Protein backbone atom coordinates (compact mmCIF):
# COMPACT_ATOMS: atom_id res chain seq x y z
CA UNK A 1 20.96 14.85 -32.36
CA UNK A 2 17.40 16.18 -32.63
CA UNK A 3 17.49 19.97 -32.82
CA UNK A 4 13.82 20.67 -32.20
CA UNK A 5 10.61 19.03 -31.03
CA UNK A 6 8.58 17.57 -33.88
CA UNK A 7 5.01 16.32 -33.79
CA UNK A 8 4.54 13.44 -36.20
CA UNK A 9 1.11 12.04 -37.06
CA UNK A 10 1.38 8.28 -37.45
CA UNK A 11 -0.79 6.41 -39.90
CA UNK A 12 -2.84 3.47 -38.54
CA UNK A 13 -0.74 0.36 -38.03
CA UNK A 14 -1.99 -3.21 -38.38
CA UNK A 15 -3.30 -4.97 -35.29
CA UNK A 16 -2.22 -8.41 -34.20
CA UNK A 17 -4.61 -11.26 -33.42
CA UNK A 18 -7.48 -10.17 -31.24
CA UNK A 19 -7.21 -6.52 -32.27
CA UNK A 20 -4.25 -5.92 -29.91
CA UNK A 21 -1.65 -3.40 -31.00
CA UNK A 22 1.92 -3.21 -29.75
CA UNK A 23 4.35 -0.34 -29.72
CA UNK A 24 7.72 0.54 -28.26
CA UNK A 25 8.32 4.00 -26.80
CA UNK A 26 11.80 5.46 -26.25
CA UNK A 27 12.29 8.35 -23.84
CA UNK A 28 15.46 10.37 -24.46
CA UNK A 29 16.18 13.70 -22.77
CA UNK A 30 17.80 16.21 -25.12
CA UNK A 31 19.62 19.42 -24.35
CA UNK A 32 22.91 21.26 -24.44
CA UNK A 33 24.94 18.49 -22.77
CA UNK A 34 25.38 15.57 -25.13
CA UNK A 35 27.88 12.81 -25.94
CA UNK A 36 28.11 14.08 -29.54
CA UNK A 37 30.35 16.98 -30.56
CA UNK A 38 28.27 18.87 -33.14
CA UNK A 39 29.31 22.45 -33.85
CA UNK A 40 25.99 23.38 -35.45
CA UNK A 41 23.63 22.31 -32.62
CA UNK A 42 21.11 24.97 -31.56
CA UNK A 43 21.37 23.83 -27.94
CA UNK A 44 25.03 24.87 -27.58
CA UNK A 45 24.11 28.46 -26.71
CA UNK A 46 21.72 27.26 -24.00
CA UNK A 47 24.58 25.55 -22.17
CA UNK A 48 25.67 28.95 -20.92
CA UNK A 49 22.36 29.30 -19.05
CA UNK A 50 23.16 26.28 -16.90
CA UNK A 51 26.63 27.35 -15.81
CA UNK A 52 29.84 25.37 -16.05
CA UNK A 53 29.39 23.67 -12.66
CA UNK A 54 25.86 22.43 -13.30
CA UNK A 55 25.30 18.75 -14.04
CA UNK A 56 21.60 18.33 -14.86
CA UNK A 57 20.12 14.94 -14.04
CA UNK A 58 16.63 13.56 -13.72
CA UNK A 59 15.59 13.78 -10.07
CA UNK A 60 13.90 10.89 -8.25
CA UNK A 61 10.71 12.96 -7.96
CA UNK A 62 10.51 13.62 -11.72
CA UNK A 63 11.40 9.99 -12.47
CA UNK A 64 8.65 8.72 -10.13
CA UNK A 65 6.04 11.02 -11.69
CA UNK A 66 7.10 9.97 -15.19
CA UNK A 67 6.89 6.23 -14.42
CA UNK A 68 3.44 6.54 -12.80
CA UNK A 69 2.06 8.66 -15.66
CA UNK A 70 3.52 6.34 -18.27
CA UNK A 71 2.01 3.17 -16.75
CA UNK A 72 -1.35 4.86 -16.10
CA UNK A 73 -1.43 5.90 -19.74
CA UNK A 74 -1.31 2.29 -20.87
CA UNK A 75 -5.03 1.94 -20.15
CA UNK A 76 -5.93 4.28 -23.01
CA UNK A 77 -6.80 3.24 -26.55
CA UNK A 78 -5.50 1.48 -28.52
CA UNK A 79 -5.54 -1.61 -26.28
CA UNK A 80 -2.09 -3.07 -25.72
CA UNK A 81 -0.90 -6.43 -24.44
CA UNK A 82 2.69 -5.23 -24.02
CA UNK A 83 4.31 -1.87 -23.35
CA UNK A 84 8.02 -1.12 -23.13
CA UNK A 85 9.67 2.00 -21.73
CA UNK A 86 13.36 2.54 -22.41
CA UNK A 87 15.82 5.36 -22.12
CA UNK A 88 18.92 5.77 -24.18
CA UNK A 89 21.89 5.01 -21.92
CA UNK A 90 24.40 7.21 -23.76
CA UNK A 91 22.60 10.43 -22.77
CA UNK A 92 24.69 12.28 -20.20
CA UNK A 93 21.59 13.76 -18.62
CA UNK A 94 21.00 10.36 -16.99
CA UNK A 95 22.85 9.37 -13.78
CA UNK A 96 23.93 5.93 -15.02
CA UNK A 97 22.94 2.41 -13.98
CA UNK A 98 21.51 3.53 -10.62
CA UNK A 99 18.89 5.49 -12.56
CA UNK A 100 17.70 2.35 -14.36
CA UNK A 101 17.60 0.38 -11.10
CA UNK A 102 15.41 3.08 -9.52
CA UNK A 103 13.18 3.13 -12.62
CA UNK A 104 12.56 -0.62 -12.34
CA UNK A 105 11.81 -0.36 -8.60
CA UNK A 106 9.35 2.45 -9.30
CA UNK A 107 7.59 0.48 -12.03
CA UNK A 108 7.20 -2.78 -10.10
CA UNK A 109 4.85 -1.59 -7.28
CA UNK A 110 2.58 0.22 -9.73
CA UNK A 111 2.29 -2.85 -11.94
CA UNK A 112 1.69 -4.97 -8.84
CA UNK A 113 -1.17 -2.70 -7.78
CA UNK A 114 -2.68 -2.85 -11.28
CA UNK A 115 -2.59 -6.66 -11.19
CA UNK A 116 -4.15 -6.64 -7.70
CA UNK A 117 -7.06 -4.44 -8.80
CA UNK A 118 -7.57 -6.59 -11.90
CA UNK A 119 -7.76 -9.71 -9.72
CA UNK A 120 -10.20 -7.97 -7.38
CA UNK A 121 -12.36 -7.04 -10.36
CA UNK A 122 -12.45 -10.63 -11.58
CA UNK A 123 -13.27 -11.84 -8.07
CA UNK A 124 -16.08 -9.31 -7.73
CA UNK A 125 -17.55 -10.38 -11.07
CA UNK A 126 -17.45 -14.04 -10.06
CA UNK A 127 -19.03 -13.23 -6.70
CA UNK A 128 -21.83 -11.25 -8.35
CA UNK A 129 -22.57 -14.05 -10.80
CA UNK A 130 -22.61 -16.61 -7.97
CA UNK A 131 -24.93 -14.41 -5.90
CA UNK A 132 -27.30 -13.98 -8.86
CA UNK A 133 -27.41 -17.75 -9.35
CA UNK A 134 -28.20 -18.36 -5.68
CA UNK A 135 -30.93 -15.71 -5.68
CA UNK A 136 -32.53 -17.19 -8.78
CA UNK A 137 -32.43 -20.69 -7.26
CA UNK A 138 -33.92 -19.46 -3.98
CA UNK A 139 -36.66 -17.56 -5.81
CA UNK A 140 -37.58 -20.69 -7.73
CA UNK A 141 -37.86 -22.81 -4.59
CA UNK A 142 -39.72 -20.46 -2.25
CA UNK A 143 -41.12 -16.92 -2.14
CA UNK A 144 -38.94 -14.30 -0.54
CA UNK A 145 -39.56 -13.26 3.04
CA UNK A 146 -40.91 -9.76 3.31
CA UNK A 147 -39.11 -7.18 5.38
CA UNK A 148 -35.93 -9.28 5.85
CA UNK A 149 -32.81 -7.92 4.18
CA UNK A 150 -30.44 -10.30 2.42
CA UNK A 151 -27.44 -8.83 4.28
CA UNK A 152 -27.45 -7.18 7.69
CA UNK A 153 -25.90 -3.76 7.14
CA UNK A 154 -25.53 -3.22 10.87
CA UNK A 155 -23.71 -6.54 11.20
CA UNK A 156 -21.32 -5.53 8.42
CA UNK A 157 -20.59 -2.20 10.10
CA UNK A 158 -19.75 -4.09 13.29
CA UNK A 159 -17.66 -6.69 11.48
CA UNK A 160 -15.31 -4.19 9.81
CA UNK A 161 -14.24 -2.98 13.28
CA UNK A 162 -13.48 -6.53 14.44
CA UNK A 163 -9.98 -7.82 13.49
CA UNK A 164 -11.10 -11.46 13.97
CA UNK A 165 -14.53 -11.28 12.31
CA UNK A 166 -15.66 -14.00 9.90
CA UNK A 167 -15.27 -11.57 7.01
CA UNK A 168 -12.89 -11.60 4.05
CA UNK A 169 -11.46 -8.13 3.50
CA UNK A 170 -8.67 -6.55 1.45
CA UNK A 171 -7.61 -3.22 2.97
CA UNK A 172 -5.35 -0.86 1.04
CA UNK A 173 -3.98 1.44 3.73
CA UNK A 174 -1.74 4.38 2.89
CA UNK A 175 0.29 5.93 5.72
CA UNK A 176 2.07 9.24 5.09
CA UNK A 177 4.56 10.32 7.75
CA UNK A 178 5.42 14.01 7.58
CA UNK A 179 8.22 16.28 8.84
CA UNK A 180 10.99 13.73 9.30
CA UNK A 181 14.03 15.56 10.70
CA UNK A 182 16.41 17.14 9.93
CA UNK A 183 15.21 18.06 6.42
CA UNK A 184 11.44 17.78 6.91
CA UNK A 185 11.18 14.81 4.53
CA UNK A 186 8.03 12.70 3.97
CA UNK A 187 7.86 8.92 4.15
CA UNK A 188 5.03 6.97 2.51
CA UNK A 189 3.98 3.39 3.30
CA UNK A 190 1.20 1.64 1.36
CA UNK A 191 0.08 -1.49 3.22
CA UNK A 192 -1.67 -4.23 1.27
CA UNK A 193 -3.14 -6.39 4.03
CA UNK A 194 -5.69 -9.08 3.08
CA UNK A 195 -7.58 -10.66 5.99
CA UNK A 196 -8.91 -14.18 5.36
CA UNK A 197 -10.76 -16.31 7.97
CA UNK A 198 -10.73 -20.12 7.66
CA UNK A 199 -12.89 -22.53 9.63
CA UNK A 200 -10.77 -25.32 11.11
CA UNK A 201 -13.50 -27.05 13.13
CA UNK A 202 -17.07 -26.62 14.28
CA UNK A 203 -16.03 -24.26 17.06
CA UNK A 204 -12.77 -22.64 15.89
CA UNK A 205 -11.42 -20.59 13.02
CA UNK A 206 -8.02 -19.20 12.03
CA UNK A 207 -7.75 -15.63 10.72
CA UNK A 208 -4.70 -14.82 8.59
CA UNK A 209 -3.69 -11.16 8.37
CA UNK A 210 -0.76 -10.55 6.02
CA UNK A 211 0.69 -7.05 5.62
CA UNK A 212 2.96 -6.29 2.65
CA UNK A 213 4.25 -2.69 2.71
CA UNK A 214 5.31 -0.73 -0.36
CA UNK A 215 7.61 1.98 0.97
CA UNK A 216 9.06 5.29 -0.13
CA UNK A 217 11.90 5.93 2.33
CA UNK A 218 13.68 9.29 2.00
CA UNK A 219 17.39 9.44 2.76
CA UNK A 220 17.80 10.68 6.32
CA UNK A 221 21.09 12.48 5.73
CA UNK A 222 20.11 14.61 2.73
CA UNK A 223 17.23 16.74 1.55
CA UNK A 224 16.57 14.84 -1.67
CA UNK A 225 16.48 11.27 -2.92
CA UNK A 226 15.46 8.03 -1.27
CA UNK A 227 14.54 4.40 -1.89
CA UNK A 228 11.27 2.96 -3.20
CA UNK A 229 10.33 -0.69 -2.97
CA UNK A 230 8.92 -3.50 -0.87
CA UNK A 231 9.27 -3.54 2.90
CA UNK A 232 9.32 -6.56 5.21
CA UNK A 233 6.21 -8.76 5.11
CA UNK A 234 4.32 -9.09 8.43
CA UNK A 235 1.98 -12.13 8.64
CA UNK A 236 -0.15 -12.68 11.76
CA UNK A 237 -2.43 -15.61 12.50
CA UNK A 238 -5.20 -15.67 15.13
CA UNK A 239 -7.00 -18.70 16.51
CA UNK A 240 -10.46 -17.50 17.56
CA UNK A 241 -13.82 -19.09 18.55
CA UNK A 242 -16.42 -19.07 15.80
CA UNK A 243 -19.16 -18.15 18.27
CA UNK A 244 -17.59 -15.90 20.90
CA UNK A 245 -19.39 -14.41 23.87
CA UNK A 246 -19.41 -10.77 24.83
CA UNK A 247 -15.60 -10.79 24.82
CA UNK A 248 -14.22 -11.48 21.33
CA UNK A 249 -10.61 -12.66 21.30
CA UNK A 250 -7.88 -14.32 19.27
CA UNK A 251 -4.29 -15.48 19.86
CA UNK A 252 -1.52 -16.70 17.59
CA UNK A 253 1.94 -16.08 16.15
CA UNK A 254 3.22 -12.90 14.51
CA UNK A 255 6.16 -12.93 12.09
CA UNK A 256 8.36 -10.47 10.24
CA UNK A 257 9.78 -11.90 7.00
CA UNK A 258 12.73 -10.00 5.41
CA UNK A 259 11.25 -9.33 1.97
CA UNK A 260 12.56 -5.73 1.67
CA UNK A 261 14.11 -4.87 -1.68
CA UNK A 262 16.67 -2.52 -0.09
CA UNK A 263 18.49 -2.52 3.24
CA UNK A 264 16.95 0.79 4.38
CA UNK A 265 13.42 -0.53 3.69
CA UNK A 266 13.57 -3.43 6.15
CA UNK A 267 15.32 -4.98 9.13
CA UNK A 268 17.04 -7.86 7.36
CA UNK A 269 15.90 -10.29 10.06
CA UNK A 270 13.38 -13.12 10.40
CA UNK A 271 11.46 -12.35 13.59
CA UNK A 272 8.59 -14.02 15.40
CA UNK A 273 6.62 -13.79 18.63
CA UNK A 274 3.14 -13.95 20.16
CA UNK A 275 0.15 -11.83 19.20
CA UNK A 276 -3.25 -11.34 20.82
CA UNK A 277 -6.40 -9.32 20.24
CA UNK A 278 -9.44 -8.73 22.46
CA UNK A 279 -12.49 -6.51 22.00
CA UNK A 280 -16.09 -5.94 23.01
CA UNK A 281 -18.93 -4.36 21.02
CA UNK A 282 -21.58 -3.00 23.40
CA UNK A 283 -24.30 -1.17 21.47
CA UNK A 284 -22.83 1.20 18.87
CA UNK A 285 -19.33 1.00 20.41
CA UNK A 286 -16.30 -1.12 19.60
CA UNK A 287 -13.55 -1.15 22.26
CA UNK A 288 -10.44 -3.28 22.01
CA UNK A 289 -6.70 -3.68 21.56
CA UNK A 290 -4.22 -5.71 19.51
CA UNK A 291 -0.66 -6.40 20.73
CA UNK A 292 2.37 -8.36 19.58
CA UNK A 293 6.08 -8.58 20.32
CA UNK A 294 8.64 -10.13 17.98
CA UNK A 295 12.28 -11.12 18.41
CA UNK A 296 14.78 -11.80 15.63
CA UNK A 297 15.73 -15.47 15.25
CA UNK A 298 17.65 -15.47 11.95
CA UNK A 299 18.98 -13.13 9.30
CA UNK A 300 22.01 -11.04 8.46
CA UNK A 301 24.62 -11.01 11.21
CA UNK A 302 25.58 -7.46 10.28
CA UNK A 303 22.09 -6.09 11.03
CA UNK A 304 20.95 -5.09 14.55
CA UNK A 305 18.92 -7.55 16.61
CA UNK A 306 15.15 -7.05 16.69
CA UNK A 307 13.05 -6.86 19.85
CA UNK A 308 10.00 -4.70 19.30
CA UNK A 309 6.41 -4.37 20.43
CA UNK A 310 3.31 -3.10 18.64
CA UNK A 311 0.16 -2.04 20.49
CA UNK A 312 -2.95 -0.78 18.70
CA UNK A 313 -5.99 0.17 20.74
CA UNK A 314 -9.19 1.07 18.92
CA UNK A 315 -12.30 2.95 19.96
CA UNK A 316 -15.14 3.31 17.44
CA UNK A 317 -18.61 4.87 17.70
CA UNK A 318 -21.15 3.94 15.02
CA UNK A 319 -23.28 6.77 13.60
CA UNK A 320 -26.15 6.81 11.11
CA UNK A 321 -26.03 5.73 7.45
CA UNK A 322 -22.82 3.75 7.85
CA UNK A 323 -20.75 6.63 9.24
CA UNK A 324 -18.53 6.24 12.28
CA UNK A 325 -15.83 8.07 14.25
CA UNK A 326 -12.75 6.17 15.32
CA UNK A 327 -9.37 6.34 16.97
CA UNK A 328 -6.91 3.48 16.39
CA UNK A 329 -3.33 4.72 16.90
CA UNK A 330 -0.40 2.31 16.59
CA UNK A 331 2.09 2.53 19.45
CA UNK A 332 5.50 0.91 18.95
CA UNK A 333 8.42 0.24 21.26
CA UNK A 334 11.92 -0.69 20.10
CA UNK A 335 13.39 -2.38 23.19
CA UNK A 336 16.86 -2.38 21.62
CA UNK A 337 16.94 1.43 21.41
CA UNK A 338 17.97 3.87 24.11
CA UNK A 339 15.31 5.26 26.47
CA UNK A 340 14.83 8.52 24.59
CA UNK A 341 14.43 6.78 21.23
CA UNK A 342 12.36 3.77 22.24
CA UNK A 343 8.69 4.78 21.88
CA UNK A 344 6.38 6.15 19.21
CA UNK A 345 3.12 7.28 20.85
CA UNK A 346 0.54 8.91 18.52
CA UNK A 347 -2.76 10.56 19.44
CA UNK A 348 -5.60 11.38 17.06
CA UNK A 349 -8.42 9.80 15.09
CA UNK A 350 -10.73 10.27 12.16
CA UNK A 351 -13.96 9.39 10.43
CA UNK A 352 -15.08 6.62 8.11
CA UNK A 353 -18.03 5.06 6.37
CA UNK A 354 -19.21 1.61 5.32
CA UNK A 355 -20.99 1.86 1.97
CA UNK A 356 -21.22 0.35 -1.49
CA UNK A 357 -19.39 1.23 -4.68
CA UNK A 358 -21.82 -0.27 -7.17
CA UNK A 359 -22.45 -3.75 -5.75
CA UNK A 360 -19.09 -3.85 -3.89
CA UNK A 361 -19.20 -3.14 -0.12
CA UNK A 362 -16.27 -1.02 1.04
CA UNK A 363 -15.05 0.67 4.18
CA UNK A 364 -13.31 4.01 3.66
CA UNK A 365 -11.62 6.02 6.39
CA UNK A 366 -9.33 9.02 6.91
CA UNK A 367 -7.38 9.52 10.13
CA UNK A 368 -4.76 11.98 11.36
CA UNK A 369 -2.29 11.50 14.22
CA UNK A 370 0.31 13.58 16.01
CA UNK A 371 3.27 11.76 17.55
CA UNK A 372 3.47 13.04 21.11
CA UNK A 373 6.46 10.78 21.79
CA UNK A 374 8.91 9.83 19.05
CA UNK A 375 12.61 9.01 18.55
CA UNK A 376 15.09 11.63 17.45
CA UNK A 377 14.50 12.51 13.81
CA UNK A 378 11.10 10.77 13.75
CA UNK A 379 7.95 12.03 12.04
CA UNK A 380 5.92 14.59 14.02
CA UNK A 381 2.53 13.74 12.46
CA UNK A 382 0.94 11.33 10.01
CA UNK A 383 -2.08 10.76 7.80
CA UNK A 384 -3.77 7.38 7.28
CA UNK A 385 -6.12 6.84 4.32
CA UNK A 386 -7.73 3.48 3.71
CA UNK A 387 -10.18 1.73 1.45
CA UNK A 388 -11.17 -1.78 2.48
CA UNK A 389 -12.91 -4.12 0.03
CA UNK A 390 -15.40 -6.34 1.89
CA UNK A 391 -16.53 -9.84 0.96
CA UNK A 392 -19.16 -11.09 3.45
CA UNK A 393 -19.25 -14.87 3.78
């Protein structure tokens, strides 16, 4: 057993092909409680400080922080093509196999997000190179028109408020739900929801909107612990005219696919139903609503049936320099629940801005909502933060 912390300076190690170095890191908590019976250990006296009834274990909060910091640290020099994190299973400060299962669930979403951002970076680079090539070709063929911008900023600001716009976007939306009774716990849901329009004819297009949540769900019956992982996937498809009139609309199916990695993170049912969206954009305003209702059609027989509605109305007022104020609460109704636990009705809003990060157009927003109506034990208020990567067609 190691009796004290030691800082060792390692000499440079050889790099593999391409200058990539590999290493293996082992994390092992040490302390007064150990599976070895050494009479000379300096930690034996410290056992008295913990008390005989204390069983120290790594909490979920500390484990989550450790996993995030460890993976984030992999971007530092030297460059690595593989990193491994292990923990010695014979240490009694660890709570057994459940600990390792939680560690893997915590690592997976972070790695997934890193891969997503890497893919976005490659896509942005390809888009920039393609745009440069087109500009050079256009400049060679004809002189540029004076006073005419290459991209209409006002049109982009309008398009980001339109759920069925001909605009590829990748929103990363983080929803934090506070003060969940009875212990005042906090739930966090990160929605990755790419929106991709596809032309199917001269007059029609189909817009796919797929939401994949990554959820931290605290245990409702205790003041610590919870589950972290994927929630149920929610794809929606809208058929919409390519050249709408003053009323912009779309209709199509909505689904809920049971992709949750734990029973408390999803419904365990395949559900489907109709969805519709309608909006108008007079002047600087955007006014509209999106609604769907899904029913369970397959899934685990031991899980409750699903019959639920989602209604999101949105009101947005454009300001100067890409700024806007908005309110887009999401109302839900669980028709299978009792009357007092059926609705979630939030009120609130926030502010956002359409701008560029380098050459990449983005839409960033922050919104806050209070739940005026909610089921027993539900969250009393929430915060929604979002960054949306925009790819005009």
